Amino acid sequence: MWRGRSRPRRPNQAMQEVLSTVLVLLLFVGLYVCVRVFFSSIKRSALRQEPRQNGLILEFFPSGAMQFLVGLTLVLLAGFTAFTALYALSRKEVGGLYAPLIPLAVFVSILLAKPVSVVIDHEGIRQGRWFRSDKQIAWDDIALVELGPNTGTVYVCSKNGGPKIRFSSSLVGRTRFLREVRAHARDADVYSEGTA
């Protein structure tokens, strides 16, 4: 009887616990590094690609890798949502249909947050939105172009304080976009790629 005290651990058991903890931590660190490398490669490939040009109109669209990733994620989430709904229906439990709401909410969140194309023409910069009219800033109304912290997103701000245009880091041709903004909006304060 140990009188309420825990039994002393054997040295081998303590070493096994330490090693298993280290292995789990290494697994998570490795997964984190792989995800960071994957998204960095998507951003680098977007920088190398050129926008679509139709006459004087330039369209900066999401890179192919990002479109594939978002599409694959949405398909997997839709399948998981359907699976959880069918499972809940087959179990016939009260409140079981609340379970598919979580992946469905993630599905809608991804749809709302996915990168949207930016279009440049002779009038200014335009970006589409889902439920409202397009965001549009005329060349004369551009006040500031800045790089967002930590994300690589470029924000275009107007002089009248309207909605910002967000140029995601996964859109193709950021260098060309900045060159076009500098050429058309000479009074705007545009950040330099070298200082970013």
N, C-alpha and C. Protein backbone atom coordinates (compact mmCIF):
# COMPACT_ATOMS: atom_id res chain seq x y z
N MET A 1 0.84 -1.17 0.00
CA MET A 1 0.00 0.00 0.00
C MET A 1 0.89 1.24 0.00
N TRP A 2 0.52 2.20 -0.82
CA TRP A 2 1.35 3.40 -0.99
C TRP A 2 0.82 4.59 -0.18
N ARG A 3 -0.21 4.39 0.60
CA ARG A 3 -0.77 5.41 1.50
C ARG A 3 -1.08 6.73 0.79
N GLY A 4 -1.84 6.64 -0.29
CA GLY A 4 -2.29 7.83 -0.99
C GLY A 4 -1.29 8.46 -1.93
N ARG A 5 -0.08 8.00 -1.93
CA ARG A 5 0.92 8.54 -2.85
C ARG A 5 0.92 7.72 -4.13
N SER A 6 1.26 8.38 -5.23
CA SER A 6 1.34 7.63 -6.49
C SER A 6 2.59 6.77 -6.48
N ARG A 7 2.49 5.71 -7.20
CA ARG A 7 3.64 4.81 -7.29
C ARG A 7 4.77 5.48 -8.05
N PRO A 8 5.98 5.24 -7.65
CA PRO A 8 7.10 5.83 -8.40
C PRO A 8 7.18 5.19 -9.78
N ARG A 9 7.49 5.99 -10.76
CA ARG A 9 7.58 5.50 -12.13
C ARG A 9 8.90 4.80 -12.35
N ARG A 10 8.82 3.81 -13.21
CA ARG A 10 10.06 3.16 -13.62
C ARG A 10 10.77 4.08 -14.62
N PRO A 11 12.07 4.05 -14.69
CA PRO A 11 12.80 4.92 -15.61
C PRO A 11 12.39 4.70 -17.07
N ASN A 12 12.10 3.48 -17.46
CA ASN A 12 11.71 3.20 -18.85
C ASN A 12 10.37 3.84 -19.17
N GLN A 13 9.44 3.80 -18.24
CA GLN A 13 8.12 4.38 -18.48
C GLN A 13 8.21 5.90 -18.61
N ALA A 14 8.99 6.53 -17.80
CA ALA A 14 9.17 7.98 -17.88
C ALA A 14 9.82 8.37 -19.21
N MET A 15 10.81 7.60 -19.64
CA MET A 15 11.47 7.88 -20.92
C MET A 15 10.50 7.69 -22.09
N GLN A 16 9.65 6.69 -22.02
CA GLN A 16 8.66 6.45 -23.08
C GLN A 16 7.68 7.62 -23.16
N GLU A 17 7.25 8.14 -22.03
CA GLU A 17 6.33 9.27 -22.03
C GLU A 17 6.98 10.52 -22.63
N VAL A 18 8.23 10.75 -22.28
CA VAL A 18 8.94 11.91 -22.83
C VAL A 18 9.11 11.77 -24.33
N LEU A 19 9.51 10.59 -24.79
CA LEU A 19 9.69 10.36 -26.22
C LEU A 19 8.38 10.48 -26.98
N SER A 20 7.29 9.95 -26.42
CA SER A 20 6.01 10.05 -27.12
C SER A 20 5.54 11.50 -27.21
N THR A 21 5.79 12.28 -26.17
CA THR A 21 5.44 13.71 -26.19
C THR A 21 6.27 14.45 -27.24
N VAL A 22 7.56 14.15 -27.29
CA VAL A 22 8.43 14.80 -28.28
C VAL A 22 8.00 14.42 -29.70
N LEU A 23 7.64 13.16 -29.92
CA LEU A 23 7.20 12.72 -31.25
C LEU A 23 5.90 13.41 -31.68
N VAL A 24 4.98 13.55 -30.75
CA VAL A 24 3.72 14.24 -31.07
C VAL A 24 3.99 15.71 -31.41
N LEU A 25 4.85 16.36 -30.62
CA LEU A 25 5.20 17.75 -30.91
C LEU A 25 5.89 17.89 -32.26
N LEU A 26 6.79 16.97 -32.57
CA LEU A 26 7.46 16.99 -33.88
C LEU A 26 6.47 16.79 -35.02
N LEU A 27 5.48 15.96 -34.81
CA LEU A 27 4.45 15.73 -35.82
C LEU A 27 3.68 17.02 -36.10
N PHE A 28 3.28 17.73 -35.04
CA PHE A 28 2.54 18.98 -35.22
C PHE A 28 3.42 20.07 -35.83
N VAL A 29 4.65 20.16 -35.42
CA VAL A 29 5.57 21.15 -36.01
C VAL A 29 5.80 20.84 -37.48
N GLY A 30 5.99 19.56 -37.81
CA GLY A 30 6.16 19.17 -39.20
C GLY A 30 4.94 19.48 -40.05
N LEU A 31 3.76 19.24 -39.51
CA LEU A 31 2.52 19.57 -40.24
C LEU A 31 2.41 21.07 -40.46
N TYR A 32 2.74 21.85 -39.43
CA TYR A 32 2.70 23.31 -39.55
C TYR A 32 3.68 23.80 -40.63
N VAL A 33 4.87 23.26 -40.64
CA VAL A 33 5.87 23.65 -41.63
C VAL A 33 5.40 23.29 -43.04
N CYS A 34 4.84 22.11 -43.20
CA CYS A 34 4.35 21.69 -44.52
C CYS A 34 3.24 22.60 -45.02
N VAL A 35 2.32 22.99 -44.15
CA VAL A 35 1.23 23.89 -44.55
C VAL A 35 1.80 25.25 -44.94
N ARG A 36 2.75 25.76 -44.15
CA ARG A 36 3.36 27.06 -44.48
C ARG A 36 4.10 27.02 -45.82
N VAL A 37 4.83 25.94 -46.07
CA VAL A 37 5.56 25.80 -47.33
C VAL A 37 4.58 25.71 -48.50
N PHE A 38 3.48 24.99 -48.31
CA PHE A 38 2.48 24.85 -49.37
C PHE A 38 1.88 26.21 -49.73
N PHE A 39 1.45 26.98 -48.73
CA PHE A 39 0.86 28.29 -49.01
C PHE A 39 1.89 29.28 -49.54
N SER A 40 3.13 29.17 -49.12
CA SER A 40 4.18 30.03 -49.68
C SER A 40 4.40 29.72 -51.15
N SER A 41 4.33 28.45 -51.52
CA SER A 41 4.49 28.09 -52.94
C SER A 41 3.33 28.61 -53.77
N ILE A 42 2.12 28.63 -53.21
CA ILE A 42 0.97 29.19 -53.93
C ILE A 42 1.18 30.68 -54.14
N LYS A 43 1.66 31.39 -53.11
CA LYS A 43 1.89 32.83 -53.25
C LYS A 43 2.99 33.12 -54.26
N ARG A 44 4.06 32.31 -54.25
CA ARG A 44 5.16 32.53 -55.21
C ARG A 44 4.69 32.27 -56.64
N SER A 45 3.88 31.24 -56.83
CA SER A 45 3.40 30.96 -58.19
C SER A 45 2.46 32.05 -58.67
N ALA A 46 1.69 32.65 -57.75
CA ALA A 46 0.82 33.76 -58.14
C ALA A 46 1.62 34.97 -58.56
N LEU A 47 2.77 35.20 -57.93
CA LEU A 47 3.62 36.33 -58.31
C LEU A 47 4.20 36.16 -59.71
N ARG A 48 4.46 34.93 -60.10
CA ARG A 48 5.08 34.67 -61.41
C ARG A 48 4.09 34.71 -62.56
N GLN A 49 2.81 34.48 -62.31
CA GLN A 49 1.82 34.44 -63.39
C GLN A 49 1.39 35.85 -63.78
N GLU A 50 0.90 35.96 -64.99
CA GLU A 50 0.45 37.24 -65.52
C GLU A 50 -1.08 37.29 -65.56
N PRO A 51 -1.65 38.50 -65.45
CA PRO A 51 -3.11 38.63 -65.50
C PRO A 51 -3.64 38.43 -66.93
N ARG A 52 -4.95 38.19 -67.02
CA ARG A 52 -5.59 38.10 -68.34
C ARG A 52 -5.82 39.50 -68.87
N GLN A 53 -5.57 39.67 -70.17
CA GLN A 53 -5.76 40.97 -70.78
C GLN A 53 -6.74 40.85 -71.93
N ASN A 54 -7.76 41.72 -71.89
CA ASN A 54 -8.76 41.77 -72.96
C ASN A 54 -8.85 43.22 -73.40
N GLY A 55 -8.08 43.57 -74.40
CA GLY A 55 -8.00 44.96 -74.82
C GLY A 55 -7.28 45.77 -73.76
N LEU A 56 -7.98 46.79 -73.21
CA LEU A 56 -7.40 47.63 -72.16
C LEU A 56 -7.79 47.16 -70.76
N ILE A 57 -8.47 46.04 -70.68
CA ILE A 57 -8.94 45.53 -69.38
C ILE A 57 -7.99 44.43 -68.91
N LEU A 58 -7.52 44.56 -67.67
CA LEU A 58 -6.68 43.55 -67.04
C LEU A 58 -7.46 42.90 -65.91
N GLU A 59 -7.47 41.55 -65.89
CA GLU A 59 -8.13 40.83 -64.81
C GLU A 59 -7.09 40.05 -64.02
N PHE A 60 -7.00 40.35 -62.74
CA PHE A 60 -6.10 39.66 -61.82
C PHE A 60 -6.93 38.63 -61.06
N PHE A 61 -6.81 37.39 -61.43
CA PHE A 61 -7.65 36.30 -60.92
C PHE A 61 -6.87 35.44 -59.93
N PRO A 62 -7.58 34.63 -59.13
CA PRO A 62 -6.87 33.73 -58.21
C PRO A 62 -6.03 32.71 -58.98
N SER A 63 -4.87 32.37 -58.45
CA SER A 63 -3.99 31.41 -59.13
C SER A 63 -4.68 30.05 -59.22
N GLY A 64 -4.24 29.25 -60.16
CA GLY A 64 -4.84 27.94 -60.37
C GLY A 64 -4.73 27.03 -59.16
N ALA A 65 -3.60 27.09 -58.47
CA ALA A 65 -3.42 26.26 -57.28
C ALA A 65 -4.41 26.65 -56.19
N MET A 66 -4.66 27.94 -56.01
CA MET A 66 -5.61 28.39 -55.00
C MET A 66 -7.03 28.00 -55.39
N GLN A 67 -7.37 28.12 -56.67
CA GLN A 67 -8.70 27.71 -57.12
C GLN A 67 -8.91 26.22 -56.89
N PHE A 68 -7.87 25.42 -57.17
CA PHE A 68 -7.96 23.98 -56.94
C PHE A 68 -8.13 23.68 -55.45
N LEU A 69 -7.33 24.35 -54.61
CA LEU A 69 -7.39 24.11 -53.18
C LEU A 69 -8.76 24.48 -52.61
N VAL A 70 -9.29 25.63 -53.00
CA VAL A 70 -10.60 26.06 -52.50
C VAL A 70 -11.68 25.10 -53.01
N GLY A 71 -11.61 24.74 -54.28
CA GLY A 71 -12.60 23.80 -54.83
C GLY A 71 -12.57 22.44 -54.14
N LEU A 72 -11.36 21.91 -53.93
CA LEU A 72 -11.23 20.62 -53.25
C LEU A 72 -11.76 20.69 -51.83
N THR A 73 -11.43 21.78 -51.13
CA THR A 73 -11.91 21.95 -49.76
C THR A 73 -13.43 22.02 -49.71
N LEU A 74 -14.03 22.74 -50.66
CA LEU A 74 -15.48 22.86 -50.68
C LEU A 74 -16.15 21.53 -51.00
N VAL A 75 -15.57 20.76 -51.91
CA VAL A 75 -16.13 19.44 -52.23
C VAL A 75 -16.05 18.52 -51.02
N LEU A 76 -14.90 18.50 -50.35
CA LEU A 76 -14.74 17.66 -49.16
C LEU A 76 -15.68 18.09 -48.04
N LEU A 77 -15.84 19.39 -47.85
CA LEU A 77 -16.77 19.86 -46.82
C LEU A 77 -18.21 19.53 -47.16
N ALA A 78 -18.58 19.64 -48.43
CA ALA A 78 -19.94 19.27 -48.85
C ALA A 78 -20.18 17.79 -48.60
N GLY A 79 -19.21 16.95 -48.94
CA GLY A 79 -19.34 15.52 -48.69
C GLY A 79 -19.44 15.20 -47.21
N PHE A 80 -18.62 15.87 -46.39
CA PHE A 80 -18.66 15.64 -44.96
C PHE A 80 -19.99 16.11 -44.37
N THR A 81 -20.50 17.23 -44.87
CA THR A 81 -21.80 17.73 -44.41
C THR A 81 -22.91 16.74 -44.76
N ALA A 82 -22.88 16.23 -46.00
CA ALA A 82 -23.88 15.24 -46.40
C ALA A 82 -23.77 13.97 -45.56
N PHE A 83 -22.54 13.53 -45.29
CA PHE A 83 -22.34 12.34 -44.48
C PHE A 83 -22.89 12.52 -43.07
N THR A 84 -22.60 13.66 -42.45
CA THR A 84 -23.09 13.88 -41.09
C THR A 84 -24.60 14.01 -41.06
N ALA A 85 -25.18 14.62 -42.10
CA ALA A 85 -26.64 14.73 -42.16
C ALA A 85 -27.29 13.36 -42.31
N LEU A 86 -26.76 12.53 -43.21
CA LEU A 86 -27.31 11.18 -43.41
C LEU A 86 -27.13 10.32 -42.16
N TYR A 87 -26.00 10.46 -41.51
CA TYR A 87 -25.76 9.71 -40.28
C TYR A 87 -26.74 10.13 -39.19
N ALA A 88 -26.97 11.44 -39.08
CA ALA A 88 -27.90 11.94 -38.07
C ALA A 88 -29.33 11.47 -38.38
N LEU A 89 -29.69 11.46 -39.65
CA LEU A 89 -31.03 10.99 -40.02
C LEU A 89 -31.19 9.49 -39.75
N SER A 90 -30.15 8.72 -39.99
CA SER A 90 -30.25 7.28 -39.77
C SER A 90 -30.33 6.93 -38.28
N ARG A 91 -29.72 7.76 -37.44
CA ARG A 91 -29.76 7.51 -35.99
C ARG A 91 -31.08 7.96 -35.37
N LYS A 92 -31.79 8.87 -36.03
CA LYS A 92 -33.09 9.38 -35.58
C LYS A 92 -33.04 9.91 -34.15
N GLU A 93 -31.96 10.64 -33.85
CA GLU A 93 -31.84 11.25 -32.53
C GLU A 93 -32.39 12.66 -32.56
N VAL A 94 -32.94 13.09 -31.45
CA VAL A 94 -33.45 14.44 -31.33
C VAL A 94 -32.26 15.41 -31.34
N GLY A 95 -32.32 16.41 -32.19
CA GLY A 95 -31.24 17.38 -32.27
C GLY A 95 -30.04 16.91 -33.06
N GLY A 96 -30.12 15.76 -33.71
CA GLY A 96 -29.00 15.22 -34.46
C GLY A 96 -28.68 16.00 -35.72
N LEU A 97 -29.66 16.76 -36.21
CA LEU A 97 -29.41 17.54 -37.43
C LEU A 97 -28.64 18.83 -37.16
N TYR A 98 -28.30 19.10 -35.91
CA TYR A 98 -27.45 20.26 -35.62
C TYR A 98 -25.99 19.99 -35.99
N ALA A 99 -25.59 18.74 -36.01
CA ALA A 99 -24.20 18.39 -36.31
C ALA A 99 -23.75 18.86 -37.70
N PRO A 100 -24.57 18.73 -38.75
CA PRO A 100 -24.12 19.21 -40.07
C PRO A 100 -24.00 20.73 -40.17
N LEU A 101 -24.52 21.46 -39.19
CA LEU A 101 -24.44 22.92 -39.26
C LEU A 101 -23.00 23.43 -39.12
N ILE A 102 -22.15 22.70 -38.40
CA ILE A 102 -20.76 23.13 -38.22
C ILE A 102 -20.00 23.08 -39.55
N PRO A 103 -19.95 21.94 -40.26
CA PRO A 103 -19.25 21.97 -41.55
C PRO A 103 -19.95 22.87 -42.57
N LEU A 104 -21.27 23.02 -42.45
CA LEU A 104 -21.98 23.91 -43.36
C LEU A 104 -21.58 25.37 -43.12
N ALA A 105 -21.39 25.74 -41.85
CA ALA A 105 -20.93 27.10 -41.53
C ALA A 105 -19.51 27.33 -42.05
N VAL A 106 -18.65 26.34 -41.93
CA VAL A 106 -17.29 26.46 -42.47
C VAL A 106 -17.35 26.58 -43.99
N PHE A 107 -18.22 25.82 -44.64
CA PHE A 107 -18.41 25.87 -46.09
C PHE A 107 -18.79 27.29 -46.53
N VAL A 108 -19.78 27.88 -45.87
CA VAL A 108 -20.23 29.23 -46.21
C VAL A 108 -19.12 30.24 -45.92
N SER A 109 -18.40 30.07 -44.83
CA SER A 109 -17.30 30.99 -44.50
C SER A 109 -16.22 30.98 -45.57
N ILE A 110 -15.89 29.80 -46.07
CA ILE A 110 -14.88 29.70 -47.13
C ILE A 110 -15.38 30.36 -48.40
N LEU A 111 -16.65 30.15 -48.72
CA LEU A 111 -17.22 30.80 -49.91
C LEU A 111 -17.14 32.32 -49.81
N LEU A 112 -17.43 32.84 -48.65
CA LEU A 112 -17.41 34.29 -48.47
C LEU A 112 -15.99 34.87 -48.41
N ALA A 113 -15.01 34.07 -47.98
CA ALA A 113 -13.65 34.58 -47.80
C ALA A 113 -12.72 34.26 -48.96
N LYS A 114 -13.18 33.48 -49.94
CA LYS A 114 -12.25 33.11 -51.01
C LYS A 114 -11.86 34.33 -51.83
N PRO A 115 -10.65 34.33 -52.39
CA PRO A 115 -10.16 35.49 -53.13
C PRO A 115 -11.03 35.80 -54.35
N VAL A 116 -11.27 37.10 -54.57
CA VAL A 116 -12.10 37.57 -55.67
C VAL A 116 -11.23 38.34 -56.65
N SER A 117 -11.49 38.16 -57.93
CA SER A 117 -10.71 38.83 -58.97
C SER A 117 -10.79 40.35 -58.85
N VAL A 118 -9.70 40.99 -59.27
CA VAL A 118 -9.63 42.46 -59.34
C VAL A 118 -9.47 42.82 -60.81
N VAL A 119 -10.26 43.79 -61.28
CA VAL A 119 -10.24 44.19 -62.69
C VAL A 119 -9.81 45.65 -62.77
N ILE A 120 -8.88 45.91 -63.70
CA ILE A 120 -8.40 47.26 -63.96
C ILE A 120 -8.80 47.64 -65.38
N ASP A 121 -9.37 48.84 -65.53
CA ASP A 121 -9.67 49.36 -66.86
C ASP A 121 -9.34 50.86 -66.88
N HIS A 122 -9.80 51.56 -67.92
CA HIS A 122 -9.46 52.98 -68.05
C HIS A 122 -10.13 53.86 -66.99
N GLU A 123 -11.19 53.35 -66.34
CA GLU A 123 -11.90 54.13 -65.32
C GLU A 123 -11.29 53.99 -63.93
N GLY A 124 -10.77 52.80 -63.62
CA GLY A 124 -10.21 52.59 -62.29
C GLY A 124 -10.09 51.11 -61.96
N ILE A 125 -10.26 50.80 -60.68
CA ILE A 125 -10.12 49.43 -60.16
C ILE A 125 -11.49 48.97 -59.68
N ARG A 126 -11.82 47.71 -60.00
CA ARG A 126 -13.12 47.16 -59.63
C ARG A 126 -12.93 45.76 -59.06
N GLN A 127 -13.70 45.44 -58.03
CA GLN A 127 -13.68 44.10 -57.45
C GLN A 127 -15.11 43.68 -57.15
N GLY A 128 -15.47 42.49 -57.59
CA GLY A 128 -16.83 41.99 -57.40
C GLY A 128 -17.09 41.57 -55.97
N ARG A 129 -18.36 41.56 -55.60
CA ARG A 129 -18.80 41.08 -54.29
C ARG A 129 -20.02 40.18 -54.51
N TRP A 130 -20.30 39.36 -53.53
CA TRP A 130 -21.38 38.39 -53.67
C TRP A 130 -22.77 39.01 -53.66
N PHE A 131 -23.10 39.75 -52.62
CA PHE A 131 -24.48 40.17 -52.43
C PHE A 131 -24.70 41.66 -52.64
N ARG A 132 -23.66 42.40 -52.89
CA ARG A 132 -23.80 43.83 -53.10
C ARG A 132 -23.13 44.21 -54.41
N SER A 133 -23.25 45.48 -54.76
CA SER A 133 -22.62 45.94 -56.00
C SER A 133 -21.10 45.87 -55.87
N ASP A 134 -20.44 45.88 -57.02
CA ASP A 134 -18.98 45.79 -57.04
C ASP A 134 -18.35 46.98 -56.31
N LYS A 135 -17.19 46.71 -55.68
CA LYS A 135 -16.38 47.80 -55.11
C LYS A 135 -15.65 48.43 -56.28
N GLN A 136 -15.67 49.75 -56.36
CA GLN A 136 -15.03 50.42 -57.47
C GLN A 136 -14.38 51.70 -56.98
N ILE A 137 -13.14 51.91 -57.40
CA ILE A 137 -12.41 53.13 -57.07
C ILE A 137 -11.85 53.70 -58.36
N ALA A 138 -12.22 54.95 -58.65
CA ALA A 138 -11.70 55.62 -59.84
C ALA A 138 -10.22 55.96 -59.61
N TRP A 139 -9.49 56.11 -60.72
CA TRP A 139 -8.06 56.39 -60.59
C TRP A 139 -7.79 57.66 -59.79
N ASP A 140 -8.62 58.69 -59.98
CA ASP A 140 -8.42 59.96 -59.28
C ASP A 140 -8.74 59.87 -57.79
N ASP A 141 -9.51 58.84 -57.38
CA ASP A 141 -9.94 58.71 -55.99
C ASP A 141 -9.01 57.85 -55.14
N ILE A 142 -7.97 57.28 -55.73
CA ILE A 142 -7.07 56.42 -54.96
C ILE A 142 -6.18 57.28 -54.08
N ALA A 143 -6.24 57.02 -52.77
CA ALA A 143 -5.43 57.80 -51.83
C ALA A 143 -4.20 57.02 -51.37
N LEU A 144 -4.37 55.73 -51.13
CA LEU A 144 -3.32 54.96 -50.49
C LEU A 144 -3.37 53.52 -50.97
N VAL A 145 -2.20 52.94 -51.19
CA VAL A 145 -2.06 51.52 -51.48
C VAL A 145 -1.04 50.99 -50.49
N GLU A 146 -1.49 50.07 -49.62
CA GLU A 146 -0.62 49.58 -48.56
C GLU A 146 -0.66 48.06 -48.48
N LEU A 147 0.40 47.51 -47.91
CA LEU A 147 0.50 46.08 -47.71
C LEU A 147 -0.01 45.75 -46.32
N GLY A 148 -0.95 44.81 -46.25
CA GLY A 148 -1.51 44.41 -44.96
C GLY A 148 -0.50 43.64 -44.13
N PRO A 149 -0.63 43.69 -42.82
CA PRO A 149 0.31 42.99 -41.95
C PRO A 149 0.09 41.47 -42.01
N ASN A 150 1.17 40.73 -42.13
CA ASN A 150 1.21 39.27 -42.02
C ASN A 150 0.57 38.48 -43.16
N THR A 151 -0.25 39.07 -44.01
CA THR A 151 -0.97 38.28 -45.00
C THR A 151 -0.48 38.45 -46.42
N GLY A 152 0.17 39.56 -46.71
CA GLY A 152 0.58 39.83 -48.09
C GLY A 152 -0.53 40.42 -48.92
N THR A 153 -1.66 40.74 -48.33
CA THR A 153 -2.77 41.35 -49.05
C THR A 153 -2.49 42.83 -49.26
N VAL A 154 -2.76 43.32 -50.47
CA VAL A 154 -2.58 44.73 -50.79
C VAL A 154 -3.95 45.41 -50.69
N TYR A 155 -4.02 46.50 -49.94
CA TYR A 155 -5.26 47.24 -49.76
C TYR A 155 -5.19 48.55 -50.54
N VAL A 156 -6.23 48.82 -51.33
CA VAL A 156 -6.34 50.07 -52.07
C VAL A 156 -7.44 50.88 -51.39
N CYS A 157 -7.08 52.06 -50.87
CA CYS A 157 -8.02 52.90 -50.13
C CYS A 157 -8.37 54.12 -50.96
N SER A 158 -9.63 54.52 -50.91
CA SER A 158 -10.06 55.70 -51.67
C SER A 158 -10.00 56.95 -50.80
N LYS A 159 -10.04 58.10 -51.44
CA LYS A 159 -9.99 59.37 -50.73
C LYS A 159 -11.27 59.64 -49.95
N ASN A 160 -12.40 59.13 -50.45
CA ASN A 160 -13.68 59.39 -49.79
C ASN A 160 -14.01 58.37 -48.70
N GLY A 161 -13.10 57.43 -48.43
CA GLY A 161 -13.30 56.48 -47.34
C GLY A 161 -14.24 55.34 -47.65
N GLY A 162 -14.49 55.06 -48.88
CA GLY A 162 -15.37 53.95 -49.26
C GLY A 162 -14.71 52.61 -48.95
N PRO A 163 -15.34 51.53 -49.39
CA PRO A 163 -14.77 50.20 -49.10
C PRO A 163 -13.42 50.00 -49.79
N LYS A 164 -12.53 49.34 -49.08
CA LYS A 164 -11.19 49.05 -49.61
C LYS A 164 -11.29 47.93 -50.64
N ILE A 165 -10.41 47.99 -51.62
CA ILE A 165 -10.25 46.86 -52.54
C ILE A 165 -9.10 46.03 -51.99
N ARG A 166 -9.36 44.73 -51.87
CA ARG A 166 -8.36 43.82 -51.29
C ARG A 166 -7.76 42.96 -52.40
N PHE A 167 -6.49 43.14 -52.63
CA PHE A 167 -5.76 42.35 -53.62
C PHE A 167 -5.04 41.24 -52.86
N SER A 168 -5.65 40.06 -52.85
CA SER A 168 -5.13 38.93 -52.07
C SER A 168 -3.76 38.48 -52.60
N SER A 169 -2.98 37.89 -51.71
CA SER A 169 -1.66 37.40 -52.11
C SER A 169 -1.76 36.20 -53.05
N SER A 170 -2.94 35.60 -53.18
CA SER A 170 -3.09 34.47 -54.09
C SER A 170 -3.61 34.89 -55.46
N LEU A 171 -3.80 36.20 -55.69
CA LEU A 171 -4.15 36.69 -57.01
C LEU A 171 -2.88 36.83 -57.84
N VAL A 172 -2.99 36.58 -59.13
CA VAL A 172 -1.81 36.60 -59.99
C VAL A 172 -1.37 38.04 -60.27
N GLY A 173 -0.07 38.23 -60.51
CA GLY A 173 0.48 39.48 -61.03
C GLY A 173 0.45 40.69 -60.13
N ARG A 174 0.83 40.55 -58.85
CA ARG A 174 0.81 41.69 -57.94
C ARG A 174 1.76 42.80 -58.41
N THR A 175 2.91 42.43 -58.93
CA THR A 175 3.87 43.44 -59.40
C THR A 175 3.27 44.26 -60.53
N ARG A 176 2.60 43.60 -61.46
CA ARG A 176 1.95 44.31 -62.58
C ARG A 176 0.83 45.20 -62.06
N PHE A 177 0.09 44.72 -61.06
CA PHE A 177 -0.99 45.51 -60.47
C PHE A 177 -0.44 46.81 -59.89
N LEU A 178 0.63 46.71 -59.11
CA LEU A 178 1.22 47.90 -58.51
C LEU A 178 1.78 48.85 -59.57
N ARG A 179 2.36 48.29 -60.62
CA ARG A 179 2.89 49.12 -61.72
C ARG A 179 1.76 49.90 -62.40
N GLU A 180 0.61 49.24 -62.61
CA GLU A 180 -0.54 49.90 -63.24
C GLU A 180 -1.11 50.99 -62.32
N VAL A 181 -1.16 50.73 -61.02
CA VAL A 181 -1.68 51.74 -60.09
C VAL A 181 -0.76 52.95 -60.07
N ARG A 182 0.56 52.72 -60.05
CA ARG A 182 1.50 53.85 -60.06
C ARG A 182 1.38 54.66 -61.35
N ALA A 183 1.13 53.98 -62.47
CA ALA A 183 1.04 54.68 -63.75
C ALA A 183 -0.24 55.51 -63.86
N HIS A 184 -1.35 55.01 -63.31
CA HIS A 184 -2.64 55.71 -63.46
C HIS A 184 -2.97 56.65 -62.31
N ALA A 185 -2.52 56.35 -61.11
CA ALA A 185 -2.84 57.17 -59.95
C ALA A 185 -1.54 57.76 -59.41
N ARG A 186 -1.09 58.80 -60.06
CA ARG A 186 0.22 59.37 -59.73
C ARG A 186 0.24 60.08 -58.36
N ASP A 187 -0.91 60.55 -57.89
CA ASP A 187 -0.96 61.25 -56.60
C ASP A 187 -1.07 60.29 -55.42
N ALA A 188 -1.32 59.02 -55.68
CA ALA A 188 -1.55 58.05 -54.59
C ALA A 188 -0.25 57.67 -53.91
N ASP A 189 -0.35 57.38 -52.64
CA ASP A 189 0.78 56.91 -51.85
C ASP A 189 0.83 55.38 -51.99
N VAL A 190 1.74 54.86 -52.83
CA VAL A 190 1.82 53.43 -53.11
C VAL A 190 3.09 52.89 -52.46
N TYR A 191 2.93 51.83 -51.68
CA TYR A 191 4.10 51.24 -51.03
C TYR A 191 5.01 50.62 -52.09
N SER A 192 6.26 50.46 -51.73
CA SER A 192 7.25 49.87 -52.64
C SER A 192 7.49 48.43 -52.26
N GLU A 193 7.63 47.54 -53.25
CA GLU A 193 7.87 46.10 -52.99
C GLU A 193 9.15 45.89 -52.20
N GLY A 194 10.13 46.76 -52.39
CA GLY A 194 11.41 46.60 -51.68
C GLY A 194 11.30 46.86 -50.19
N THR A 195 10.32 47.69 -49.79
CA THR A 195 10.16 48.01 -48.38
C THR A 195 9.16 47.10 -47.69
N ALA A 196 8.50 46.24 -48.45
CA ALA A 196 7.47 45.37 -47.87
C ALA A 196 8.06 44.19 -47.19
